[in-house]
Structure formats: C-alpha cells, structure tokens
Amino acid sequence: MNTYLWTAALLACFLALGGRGYGDLIVDLCGENITDANLEEELGKLTRDKIVIDLCDNQLKNFHRDLFRRFDRLDQLVFDGNPDLGFPPDGSPFLVVKSLIELQCVKCGVEKIFNRSLQAEPMVVSDCYISIYLTIITLALIGTVVILVGVWLKKKKYDSELKLSILTRATLIQVQSTDL
C-alpha cells in the first residue's frame, strides 16, 4: 500500500486522540458536558502521566476527592465555568493530589475556603499560590449583574491566617482560612 495513505491515516488517528489528551501531557476536556456521574469514566481513559487537566465549562458539582489521586505528576487543575462546584460544606478536603501546584476555579461556586479544604494539597499550601476566582452575583436595578472578582493568595512559609472579605450591595462573601 502507498506510504502516503498510511501516513495520512496515522496522522488522522493522532489528531483525533490528541485533542482529547490521550497522548499529550496537557488534557483539554472543556465543554464536554462532563458531569459528576461520568467524570470517573472520562478520567479513566487518560494515562497517569498528565500534568495539566482542564475541565472548564462542564456541569461538575460534587465529585469524590480521590478521583485525581492516580495522576501522580499532575501540576495544574482548571475547573473554570462550573458554577455549582464548590468546596465541601463540612470543611473536608476538596481534592487529594499530592503533586498539585495550581488549582484554578474561575466562575465556580466557591464561597468559603475552610481550614481543611486544601490540606491534602501540600504543594499548593506550602510553597505555591492558589488562584481562586469568586463569582459574586448581585442584584441591580436592571437585571442580574455578574461581577468576577479575582483573588490571588500568595502563601508564605508559615503564614497561618488569611482573611478576605468581599462586600457588594447585595452579597457578602467571606473567604477565611486559618490553617492553610
């Protein structure tokens, strides 16, 4: 058979699989309608060597914190655009990923950071930064206004108290942590 046809077929296979992140170290699963029910199945299709997993614009609400544990090289998790996703209300750890350096939640339902919420991510807590963006919805005279407030928390070595209060006309969201 012609070498050109084999090359074209092989290239098509690589492109089809590469977009989903099966062969790449960076996985883009944005806008795939992934829910809590099928998240484990989608992650099961990936190899363990992933460095970045982007799960933006899905319908994630509450998943088991150990789902990402098998990715032992995972540096960054992105949950942008999952408005119902927040930290567990009982203050238990949100995730268990020992290698995680950056956790990003833009337009997520994060209202409070509890003392133990990020305790299972030692790299995020001790050395690096947390980029958490809170979406504050306020009611104005003309409809609903969505204000995106970025919160960049720089964690020092033994800094034990971090408090931030964000006040808007209709909503007060207090982000507190005493034992990061």
N, C-alpha and C. Protein backbone atom coordinates (compact mmCIF):
# COMPACT_ATOMS: atom_id res chain seq x y z
N MET A 1 0.84 -1.18 0.00
CA MET A 1 0.00 0.00 0.00
C MET A 1 0.88 1.24 0.00
N ASN A 2 0.35 2.30 -0.44
CA ASN A 2 1.08 3.55 -0.57
C ASN A 2 1.45 4.10 0.82
N THR A 3 2.69 4.52 0.98
CA THR A 3 3.18 5.07 2.25
C THR A 3 2.44 6.35 2.61
N TYR A 4 2.06 7.12 1.61
CA TYR A 4 1.34 8.36 1.85
C TYR A 4 0.01 8.10 2.56
N LEU A 5 -0.73 7.07 2.12
CA LEU A 5 -2.01 6.75 2.74
C LEU A 5 -1.84 6.31 4.19
N TRP A 6 -0.80 5.51 4.46
CA TRP A 6 -0.53 5.08 5.83
C TRP A 6 -0.19 6.28 6.71
N THR A 7 0.60 7.17 6.19
CA THR A 7 0.98 8.36 6.94
C THR A 7 -0.24 9.23 7.23
N ALA A 8 -1.10 9.41 6.25
CA ALA A 8 -2.31 10.21 6.43
C ALA A 8 -3.24 9.57 7.45
N ALA A 9 -3.38 8.25 7.39
CA ALA A 9 -4.25 7.55 8.35
C ALA A 9 -3.68 7.65 9.77
N LEU A 10 -2.38 7.49 9.90
CA LEU A 10 -1.74 7.59 11.21
C LEU A 10 -1.86 9.00 11.77
N LEU A 11 -1.66 10.00 10.93
CA LEU A 11 -1.79 11.39 11.36
C LEU A 11 -3.22 11.69 11.81
N ALA A 12 -4.20 11.17 11.09
CA ALA A 12 -5.60 11.37 11.47
C ALA A 12 -5.90 10.76 12.83
N CYS A 13 -5.34 9.59 13.10
CA CYS A 13 -5.54 8.95 14.41
C CYS A 13 -4.91 9.77 15.52
N PHE A 14 -3.70 10.27 15.30
CA PHE A 14 -3.04 11.09 16.31
C PHE A 14 -3.82 12.37 16.59
N LEU A 15 -4.33 13.00 15.55
CA LEU A 15 -5.10 14.22 15.73
C LEU A 15 -6.40 13.96 16.46
N ALA A 16 -7.05 12.85 16.14
CA ALA A 16 -8.31 12.51 16.80
C ALA A 16 -8.11 12.24 18.28
N LEU A 17 -7.07 11.54 18.62
CA LEU A 17 -6.81 11.22 20.02
C LEU A 17 -6.16 12.38 20.77
N GLY A 18 -5.34 13.15 20.10
CA GLY A 18 -4.60 14.23 20.76
C GLY A 18 -5.49 15.33 21.30
N GLY A 19 -6.60 15.64 20.64
CA GLY A 19 -7.50 16.68 21.11
C GLY A 19 -8.11 16.35 22.45
N ARG A 20 -8.31 15.07 22.72
CA ARG A 20 -8.87 14.64 23.98
C ARG A 20 -7.80 14.44 25.04
N GLY A 21 -6.55 14.54 24.64
CA GLY A 21 -5.49 14.46 25.62
C GLY A 21 -4.99 13.07 25.92
N TYR A 22 -5.28 12.09 25.09
CA TYR A 22 -4.84 10.74 25.37
C TYR A 22 -3.33 10.59 25.23
N GLY A 23 -2.73 11.33 24.32
CA GLY A 23 -1.29 11.22 24.12
C GLY A 23 -0.51 12.40 24.66
N ASP A 24 -1.17 13.49 24.94
CA ASP A 24 -0.50 14.70 25.41
C ASP A 24 -0.42 14.72 26.93
N LEU A 25 0.48 15.54 27.44
CA LEU A 25 0.58 15.72 28.89
C LEU A 25 -0.42 16.75 29.40
N ILE A 26 -0.96 17.56 28.48
CA ILE A 26 -1.97 18.56 28.81
C ILE A 26 -3.29 18.10 28.22
N VAL A 27 -4.32 17.99 29.05
CA VAL A 27 -5.61 17.47 28.63
C VAL A 27 -6.64 18.58 28.64
N ASP A 28 -7.32 18.78 27.52
CA ASP A 28 -8.37 19.79 27.41
C ASP A 28 -9.71 19.08 27.29
N LEU A 29 -10.47 19.07 28.38
CA LEU A 29 -11.80 18.46 28.39
C LEU A 29 -12.87 19.53 28.61
N CYS A 30 -12.62 20.72 28.09
CA CYS A 30 -13.56 21.83 28.25
C CYS A 30 -14.81 21.61 27.39
N GLY A 31 -15.96 21.95 27.95
CA GLY A 31 -17.20 21.92 27.20
C GLY A 31 -17.61 20.55 26.71
N GLU A 32 -17.25 19.50 27.42
CA GLU A 32 -17.56 18.13 27.00
C GLU A 32 -18.80 17.58 27.71
N ASN A 33 -19.56 18.43 28.39
CA ASN A 33 -20.74 18.02 29.15
C ASN A 33 -20.43 16.92 30.16
N ILE A 34 -19.29 17.05 30.81
CA ILE A 34 -18.90 16.08 31.82
C ILE A 34 -19.61 16.44 33.12
N THR A 35 -20.22 15.43 33.73
CA THR A 35 -20.92 15.61 35.00
C THR A 35 -20.21 14.79 36.07
N ASP A 36 -20.68 14.90 37.29
CA ASP A 36 -20.11 14.11 38.37
C ASP A 36 -20.24 12.61 38.09
N ALA A 37 -21.34 12.24 37.42
CA ALA A 37 -21.61 10.83 37.15
C ALA A 37 -20.61 10.21 36.18
N ASN A 38 -20.18 10.96 35.16
CA ASN A 38 -19.27 10.37 34.17
C ASN A 38 -17.83 10.89 34.26
N LEU A 39 -17.51 11.66 35.30
CA LEU A 39 -16.15 12.18 35.45
C LEU A 39 -15.15 11.05 35.65
N GLU A 40 -15.48 10.08 36.47
CA GLU A 40 -14.56 8.96 36.72
C GLU A 40 -14.29 8.18 35.44
N GLU A 41 -15.31 7.99 34.62
CA GLU A 41 -15.14 7.28 33.35
C GLU A 41 -14.22 8.06 32.40
N GLU A 42 -14.42 9.38 32.31
CA GLU A 42 -13.58 10.20 31.43
C GLU A 42 -12.12 10.21 31.90
N LEU A 43 -11.91 10.32 33.21
CA LEU A 43 -10.54 10.31 33.73
C LEU A 43 -9.89 8.94 33.58
N GLY A 44 -10.69 7.89 33.60
CA GLY A 44 -10.17 6.54 33.42
C GLY A 44 -9.60 6.30 32.03
N LYS A 45 -9.99 7.09 31.06
CA LYS A 45 -9.48 6.96 29.69
C LYS A 45 -8.09 7.57 29.53
N LEU A 46 -7.67 8.35 30.51
CA LEU A 46 -6.40 9.07 30.41
C LEU A 46 -5.27 8.28 31.05
N THR A 47 -4.07 8.50 30.53
CA THR A 47 -2.89 7.89 31.15
C THR A 47 -2.52 8.66 32.41
N ARG A 48 -1.71 8.05 33.25
CA ARG A 48 -1.38 8.61 34.57
C ARG A 48 -0.38 9.76 34.52
N ASP A 49 0.24 10.01 33.38
CA ASP A 49 1.34 10.98 33.31
C ASP A 49 0.90 12.41 33.01
N LYS A 50 -0.36 12.73 33.17
CA LYS A 50 -0.87 14.06 32.83
C LYS A 50 -0.33 15.12 33.80
N ILE A 51 -0.02 16.29 33.25
CA ILE A 51 0.49 17.40 34.04
C ILE A 51 -0.59 18.46 34.27
N VAL A 52 -1.42 18.71 33.26
CA VAL A 52 -2.50 19.69 33.36
C VAL A 52 -3.79 19.04 32.87
N ILE A 53 -4.85 19.16 33.66
CA ILE A 53 -6.18 18.71 33.23
C ILE A 53 -7.11 19.91 33.33
N ASP A 54 -7.72 20.26 32.20
CA ASP A 54 -8.62 21.41 32.11
C ASP A 54 -10.05 20.89 31.95
N LEU A 55 -10.88 21.11 32.95
CA LEU A 55 -12.27 20.66 32.95
C LEU A 55 -13.23 21.84 32.96
N CYS A 56 -12.90 22.89 32.22
CA CYS A 56 -13.73 24.10 32.23
C CYS A 56 -15.05 23.87 31.49
N ASP A 57 -16.05 24.66 31.85
CA ASP A 57 -17.35 24.70 31.19
C ASP A 57 -18.02 23.33 31.10
N ASN A 58 -18.06 22.62 32.21
CA ASN A 58 -18.79 21.36 32.31
C ASN A 58 -19.87 21.53 33.38
N GLN A 59 -20.48 20.44 33.80
CA GLN A 59 -21.53 20.51 34.82
C GLN A 59 -21.09 19.82 36.10
N LEU A 60 -19.90 20.12 36.56
CA LEU A 60 -19.39 19.50 37.78
C LEU A 60 -19.98 20.19 39.00
N LYS A 61 -20.36 19.39 39.99
CA LYS A 61 -20.93 19.94 41.23
C LYS A 61 -20.19 19.41 42.45
N ASN A 62 -20.12 18.09 42.54
CA ASN A 62 -19.53 17.47 43.73
C ASN A 62 -19.01 16.10 43.32
N PHE A 63 -17.72 15.93 43.30
CA PHE A 63 -17.13 14.65 42.92
C PHE A 63 -16.27 14.13 44.06
N HIS A 64 -15.92 12.87 43.99
CA HIS A 64 -15.12 12.27 45.06
C HIS A 64 -13.71 12.86 45.02
N ARG A 65 -13.19 13.22 46.16
CA ARG A 65 -11.91 13.92 46.24
C ARG A 65 -10.72 13.07 45.80
N ASP A 66 -10.86 11.75 45.75
CA ASP A 66 -9.76 10.87 45.36
C ASP A 66 -9.70 10.57 43.86
N LEU A 67 -10.59 11.14 43.06
CA LEU A 67 -10.63 10.84 41.63
C LEU A 67 -9.34 11.19 40.90
N PHE A 68 -8.65 12.22 41.35
CA PHE A 68 -7.44 12.68 40.67
C PHE A 68 -6.16 12.12 41.30
N ARG A 69 -6.29 11.30 42.29
CA ARG A 69 -5.13 10.80 43.04
C ARG A 69 -4.17 10.00 42.16
N ARG A 70 -4.67 9.28 41.18
CA ARG A 70 -3.80 8.42 40.35
C ARG A 70 -2.87 9.21 39.43
N PHE A 71 -3.15 10.50 39.23
CA PHE A 71 -2.29 11.34 38.39
C PHE A 71 -1.16 11.88 39.26
N ASP A 72 -0.09 11.12 39.37
CA ASP A 72 0.99 11.45 40.31
C ASP A 72 1.91 12.57 39.84
N ARG A 73 1.75 13.04 38.60
CA ARG A 73 2.56 14.16 38.09
C ARG A 73 1.71 15.41 37.85
N LEU A 74 0.46 15.39 38.27
CA LEU A 74 -0.48 16.48 37.99
C LEU A 74 -0.05 17.76 38.71
N ASP A 75 0.20 18.81 37.93
CA ASP A 75 0.62 20.11 38.47
C ASP A 75 -0.54 21.10 38.56
N GLN A 76 -1.45 21.05 37.59
CA GLN A 76 -2.48 22.08 37.50
C GLN A 76 -3.83 21.46 37.18
N LEU A 77 -4.86 21.91 37.89
CA LEU A 77 -6.24 21.54 37.62
C LEU A 77 -7.03 22.82 37.38
N VAL A 78 -7.84 22.83 36.32
CA VAL A 78 -8.63 24.00 35.97
C VAL A 78 -10.10 23.60 35.95
N PHE A 79 -10.90 24.28 36.77
CA PHE A 79 -12.34 24.00 36.86
C PHE A 79 -13.17 25.21 36.44
N ASP A 80 -12.66 26.10 35.63
CA ASP A 80 -13.36 27.32 35.24
C ASP A 80 -14.74 27.00 34.66
N GLY A 81 -15.72 27.85 34.96
CA GLY A 81 -17.03 27.73 34.34
C GLY A 81 -17.88 26.58 34.85
N ASN A 82 -17.65 26.13 36.06
CA ASN A 82 -18.50 25.14 36.72
C ASN A 82 -19.16 25.84 37.91
N PRO A 83 -20.25 26.58 37.67
CA PRO A 83 -20.79 27.47 38.69
C PRO A 83 -21.33 26.78 39.94
N ASP A 84 -21.62 25.49 39.86
CA ASP A 84 -22.16 24.77 41.01
C ASP A 84 -21.08 24.04 41.80
N LEU A 85 -19.84 24.13 41.36
CA LEU A 85 -18.74 23.43 42.01
C LEU A 85 -18.17 24.28 43.14
N GLY A 86 -18.14 23.73 44.33
CA GLY A 86 -17.58 24.44 45.48
C GLY A 86 -16.86 23.48 46.39
N PHE A 87 -16.27 24.01 47.42
CA PHE A 87 -15.60 23.17 48.41
C PHE A 87 -16.66 22.48 49.27
N PRO A 88 -16.38 21.30 49.80
CA PRO A 88 -17.36 20.60 50.65
C PRO A 88 -17.77 21.47 51.84
N PRO A 89 -19.08 21.56 52.11
CA PRO A 89 -19.55 22.44 53.18
C PRO A 89 -19.14 21.99 54.58
N ASP A 90 -18.74 20.72 54.73
CA ASP A 90 -18.32 20.25 56.05
C ASP A 90 -16.86 20.56 56.34
N GLY A 91 -16.17 21.19 55.38
CA GLY A 91 -14.77 21.58 55.59
C GLY A 91 -13.77 20.50 55.28
N SER A 92 -14.22 19.36 54.78
CA SER A 92 -13.29 18.27 54.45
C SER A 92 -12.48 18.64 53.21
N PRO A 93 -11.37 17.94 52.95
CA PRO A 93 -10.53 18.28 51.79
C PRO A 93 -11.30 18.21 50.47
N PHE A 94 -11.04 19.18 49.62
CA PHE A 94 -11.67 19.27 48.31
C PHE A 94 -11.10 18.24 47.35
N LEU A 95 -9.80 18.09 47.34
CA LEU A 95 -9.09 17.15 46.46
C LEU A 95 -7.96 16.49 47.24
N VAL A 96 -7.52 15.34 46.73
CA VAL A 96 -6.31 14.71 47.25
C VAL A 96 -5.39 14.49 46.06
N VAL A 97 -4.49 15.45 45.84
CA VAL A 97 -3.50 15.38 44.77
C VAL A 97 -2.20 15.92 45.36
N LYS A 98 -1.28 15.04 45.67
CA LYS A 98 -0.05 15.44 46.37
C LYS A 98 0.86 16.31 45.50
N SER A 99 0.80 16.17 44.18
CA SER A 99 1.71 16.91 43.31
C SER A 99 1.13 18.23 42.81
N LEU A 100 -0.13 18.53 43.15
CA LEU A 100 -0.81 19.71 42.62
C LEU A 100 -0.14 21.01 43.07
N ILE A 101 0.12 21.89 42.11
CA ILE A 101 0.73 23.19 42.39
C ILE A 101 -0.29 24.31 42.22
N GLU A 102 -1.13 24.21 41.20
CA GLU A 102 -2.09 25.28 40.92
C GLU A 102 -3.49 24.71 40.77
N LEU A 103 -4.41 25.31 41.50
CA LEU A 103 -5.83 24.98 41.42
C LEU A 103 -6.55 26.24 40.97
N GLN A 104 -7.27 26.16 39.87
CA GLN A 104 -7.92 27.35 39.32
C GLN A 104 -9.41 27.10 39.20
N CYS A 105 -10.20 27.98 39.81
CA CYS A 105 -11.66 27.91 39.75
C CYS A 105 -12.20 29.29 39.41
N VAL A 106 -12.38 29.57 38.15
CA VAL A 106 -12.95 30.84 37.71
C VAL A 106 -14.42 30.59 37.43
N LYS A 107 -15.28 31.43 37.98
CA LYS A 107 -16.73 31.28 37.84
C LYS A 107 -17.20 29.95 38.41
N CYS A 108 -16.69 29.61 39.58
CA CYS A 108 -17.14 28.43 40.30
C CYS A 108 -17.96 28.86 41.51
N GLY A 109 -18.53 27.90 42.19
CA GLY A 109 -19.37 28.21 43.35
C GLY A 109 -18.60 28.23 44.66
N VAL A 110 -17.34 28.63 44.63
CA VAL A 110 -16.53 28.69 45.85
C VAL A 110 -16.94 29.92 46.65
N GLU A 111 -17.51 29.67 47.82
CA GLU A 111 -17.91 30.77 48.69
C GLU A 111 -17.03 30.86 49.92
N LYS A 112 -16.56 29.73 50.42
CA LYS A 112 -15.70 29.72 51.60
C LYS A 112 -14.56 28.74 51.40
N ILE A 113 -13.42 29.11 51.93
CA ILE A 113 -12.28 28.20 51.99
C ILE A 113 -12.13 27.82 53.45
N PHE A 114 -12.42 26.58 53.76
CA PHE A 114 -12.35 26.13 55.14
C PHE A 114 -10.92 25.75 55.52
N ASN A 115 -10.69 25.56 56.80
CA ASN A 115 -9.35 25.25 57.30
C ASN A 115 -8.74 24.03 56.63
N ARG A 116 -9.54 22.99 56.41
CA ARG A 116 -9.01 21.74 55.86
C ARG A 116 -9.28 21.58 54.37
N SER A 117 -9.86 22.56 53.71
CA SER A 117 -10.25 22.40 52.30
C SER A 117 -9.09 22.06 51.39
N LEU A 118 -7.92 22.64 51.64
CA LEU A 118 -6.76 22.42 50.79
C LEU A 118 -5.63 21.71 51.53
N GLN A 119 -5.96 21.06 52.61
CA GLN A 119 -4.96 20.40 53.44
C GLN A 119 -4.30 19.22 52.71
N ALA A 120 -5.00 18.57 51.82
CA ALA A 120 -4.47 17.40 51.12
C ALA A 120 -3.59 17.76 49.94
N GLU A 121 -3.39 19.04 49.66
CA GLU A 121 -2.52 19.51 48.59
C GLU A 121 -1.33 20.24 49.19
N PRO A 122 -0.32 19.53 49.64
CA PRO A 122 0.79 20.19 50.34
C PRO A 122 1.57 21.17 49.48
N MET A 123 1.68 20.92 48.18
CA MET A 123 2.42 21.82 47.30
C MET A 123 1.68 23.15 47.13
N VAL A 124 0.37 23.09 47.02
CA VAL A 124 -0.43 24.31 46.86
C VAL A 124 -0.33 25.14 48.12
N VAL A 125 -0.42 24.49 49.26
CA VAL A 125 -0.48 25.19 50.53
C VAL A 125 0.86 25.72 50.98
N SER A 126 1.93 24.96 50.84
CA SER A 126 3.19 25.38 51.44
C SER A 126 4.02 26.32 50.58
N ASP A 127 4.14 26.08 49.31
CA ASP A 127 5.10 26.83 48.51
C ASP A 127 4.48 27.73 47.47
N CYS A 128 3.42 27.32 46.86
CA CYS A 128 2.96 28.00 45.66
C CYS A 128 1.74 28.86 45.93
N TYR A 129 0.99 29.12 44.90
CA TYR A 129 -0.14 30.02 45.03
C TYR A 129 -1.44 29.33 44.68
N ILE A 130 -2.49 29.91 45.15
CA ILE A 130 -3.82 29.43 44.85
C ILE A 130 -4.49 30.52 44.04
N SER A 131 -5.02 30.17 42.89
CA SER A 131 -5.76 31.18 42.15
C SER A 131 -7.22 30.77 42.15
N ILE A 132 -7.97 31.44 42.97
CA ILE A 132 -9.39 31.15 43.10
C ILE A 132 -10.14 32.42 42.75
N TYR A 133 -11.03 32.30 41.83
CA TYR A 133 -11.84 33.43 41.44
C TYR A 133 -13.26 33.18 41.93
N LEU A 134 -13.78 34.13 42.63
CA LEU A 134 -15.13 34.02 43.13
C LEU A 134 -16.06 34.80 42.22
N THR A 135 -17.18 34.20 41.93
CA THR A 135 -18.20 34.91 41.18
C THR A 135 -19.25 35.40 42.15
N ILE A 136 -19.40 36.68 42.20
CA ILE A 136 -20.38 37.28 43.09
C ILE A 136 -21.53 37.81 42.25
N ILE A 137 -22.68 37.32 42.54
CA ILE A 137 -23.86 37.76 41.79
C ILE A 137 -24.62 38.76 42.64
N THR A 138 -24.78 39.93 42.11
CA THR A 138 -25.54 40.96 42.82
C THR A 138 -26.75 41.35 42.00
N LEU A 139 -27.78 41.72 42.69
CA LEU A 139 -28.99 42.17 42.01
C LEU A 139 -28.92 43.68 41.86
N ALA A 140 -29.05 44.14 40.66
CA ALA A 140 -29.03 45.57 40.39
C ALA A 140 -30.42 45.99 39.91
N LEU A 141 -30.59 47.25 39.62
CA LEU A 141 -31.88 47.72 39.14
C LEU A 141 -32.24 47.11 37.80
N ILE A 142 -31.24 46.89 36.95
CA ILE A 142 -31.51 46.33 35.63
C ILE A 142 -30.97 44.91 35.59
N GLY A 143 -31.79 43.93 35.94
CA GLY A 143 -31.42 42.52 35.83
C GLY A 143 -30.37 42.09 36.83
N THR A 144 -29.68 41.04 36.49
CA THR A 144 -28.64 40.47 37.34
C THR A 144 -27.28 40.83 36.79
N VAL A 145 -26.43 41.33 37.64
CA VAL A 145 -25.08 41.71 37.25
C VAL A 145 -24.12 40.68 37.82
N VAL A 146 -23.25 40.15 37.00
CA VAL A 146 -22.26 39.20 37.47
C VAL A 146 -20.92 39.90 37.53
N ILE A 147 -20.31 39.91 38.70
CA ILE A 147 -19.02 40.55 38.89
C ILE A 147 -18.00 39.46 39.16
N LEU A 148 -16.95 39.44 38.39
CA LEU A 148 -15.88 38.46 38.59
C LEU A 148 -14.79 39.10 39.42
N VAL A 149 -14.56 38.56 40.58
CA VAL A 149 -13.55 39.09 41.48
C VAL A 149 -12.42 38.08 41.55
N GLY A 150 -11.24 38.50 41.21
CA GLY A 150 -10.08 37.60 41.26
C GLY A 150 -9.40 37.70 42.60
N VAL A 151 -9.09 36.57 43.16
CA VAL A 151 -8.41 36.51 44.44
C VAL A 151 -7.15 35.69 44.24
N TRP A 152 -6.02 36.33 44.37
CA TRP A 152 -4.74 35.62 44.27
C TRP A 152 -4.15 35.58 45.67
N LEU A 153 -4.00 34.40 46.20
CA LEU A 153 -3.49 34.24 47.55
C LEU A 153 -2.06 33.76 47.47
N LYS A 154 -1.16 34.56 47.96
CA LYS A 154 0.25 34.17 47.99
C LYS A 154 0.53 33.64 49.38
N LYS A 155 0.85 32.37 49.46
CA LYS A 155 1.06 31.72 50.75
C LYS A 155 2.52 31.78 51.13
N LYS A 156 2.82 32.41 52.26
CA LYS A 156 4.19 32.44 52.76
C LYS A 156 4.46 31.17 53.55
N LYS A 157 5.69 31.01 53.95
CA LYS A 157 6.11 29.76 54.56
C LYS A 157 5.26 29.34 55.76
N TYR A 158 5.15 30.19 56.75
CA TYR A 158 4.40 29.82 57.95
C TYR A 158 3.32 30.83 58.28
N ASP A 159 2.79 31.46 57.27
CA ASP A 159 1.70 32.40 57.46
C ASP A 159 0.45 31.62 57.83
N SER A 160 -0.10 31.85 59.00
CA SER A 160 -1.17 30.98 59.49
C SER A 160 -2.56 31.58 59.37
N GLU A 161 -2.67 32.83 59.00
CA GLU A 161 -4.00 33.40 58.94
C GLU A 161 -4.18 34.20 57.66
N LEU A 162 -5.28 33.95 57.00
CA LEU A 162 -5.57 34.63 55.75
C LEU A 162 -7.05 34.96 55.75
N LYS A 163 -7.38 36.21 55.63
CA LYS A 163 -8.78 36.61 55.63
C LYS A 163 -9.02 37.62 54.53
N LEU A 164 -10.15 37.47 53.91
CA LEU A 164 -10.52 38.40 52.86
C LEU A 164 -12.03 38.54 52.88
N SER A 165 -12.51 39.72 52.92
CA SER A 165 -13.94 39.95 52.88
C SER A 165 -14.26 40.75 51.63
N ILE A 166 -15.25 40.31 50.93
CA ILE A 166 -15.67 41.00 49.72
C ILE A 166 -17.12 41.44 49.94
N LEU A 167 -17.33 42.72 49.86
CA LEU A 167 -18.66 43.26 50.13
C LEU A 167 -19.21 43.88 48.85
N THR A 168 -20.41 43.48 48.50
CA THR A 168 -21.11 44.12 47.40
C THR A 168 -22.45 44.60 47.94
N ARG A 169 -23.24 45.20 47.10
CA ARG A 169 -24.50 45.75 47.56
C ARG A 169 -25.44 44.68 48.12
N ALA A 170 -25.49 43.52 47.48
CA ALA A 170 -26.46 42.51 47.90
C ALA A 170 -25.82 41.29 48.56
N THR A 171 -24.53 41.12 48.43
CA THR A 171 -23.91 39.88 48.87
C THR A 171 -22.62 40.15 49.63
N LEU A 172 -22.45 39.48 50.73
CA LEU A 172 -21.18 39.49 51.44
C LEU A 172 -20.66 38.07 51.44
N ILE A 173 -19.52 37.86 50.82
CA ILE A 173 -18.90 36.55 50.81
C ILE A 173 -17.59 36.68 51.55
N GLN A 174 -17.42 35.88 52.56
CA GLN A 174 -16.20 35.95 53.35
C GLN A 174 -15.38 34.70 53.10
N VAL A 175 -14.15 34.90 52.70
CA VAL A 175 -13.22 33.81 52.45
C VAL A 175 -12.23 33.81 53.60
N GLN A 176 -12.20 32.72 54.34
CA GLN A 176 -11.33 32.67 55.50
C GLN A 176 -10.57 31.36 55.52
N SER A 177 -9.38 31.41 56.02
CA SER A 177 -8.64 30.19 56.30
C SER A 177 -7.65 30.51 57.40
N THR A 178 -7.56 29.61 58.36
CA THR A 178 -6.62 29.83 59.44
C THR A 178 -5.52 28.79 59.48
N ASP A 179 -5.71 27.68 58.82
CA ASP A 179 -4.70 26.62 58.82
C ASP A 179 -4.40 26.13 57.43
N LEU A 180 -4.08 27.02 56.51
CA LEU A 180 -3.73 26.57 55.17
C LEU A 180 -2.51 25.71 55.28
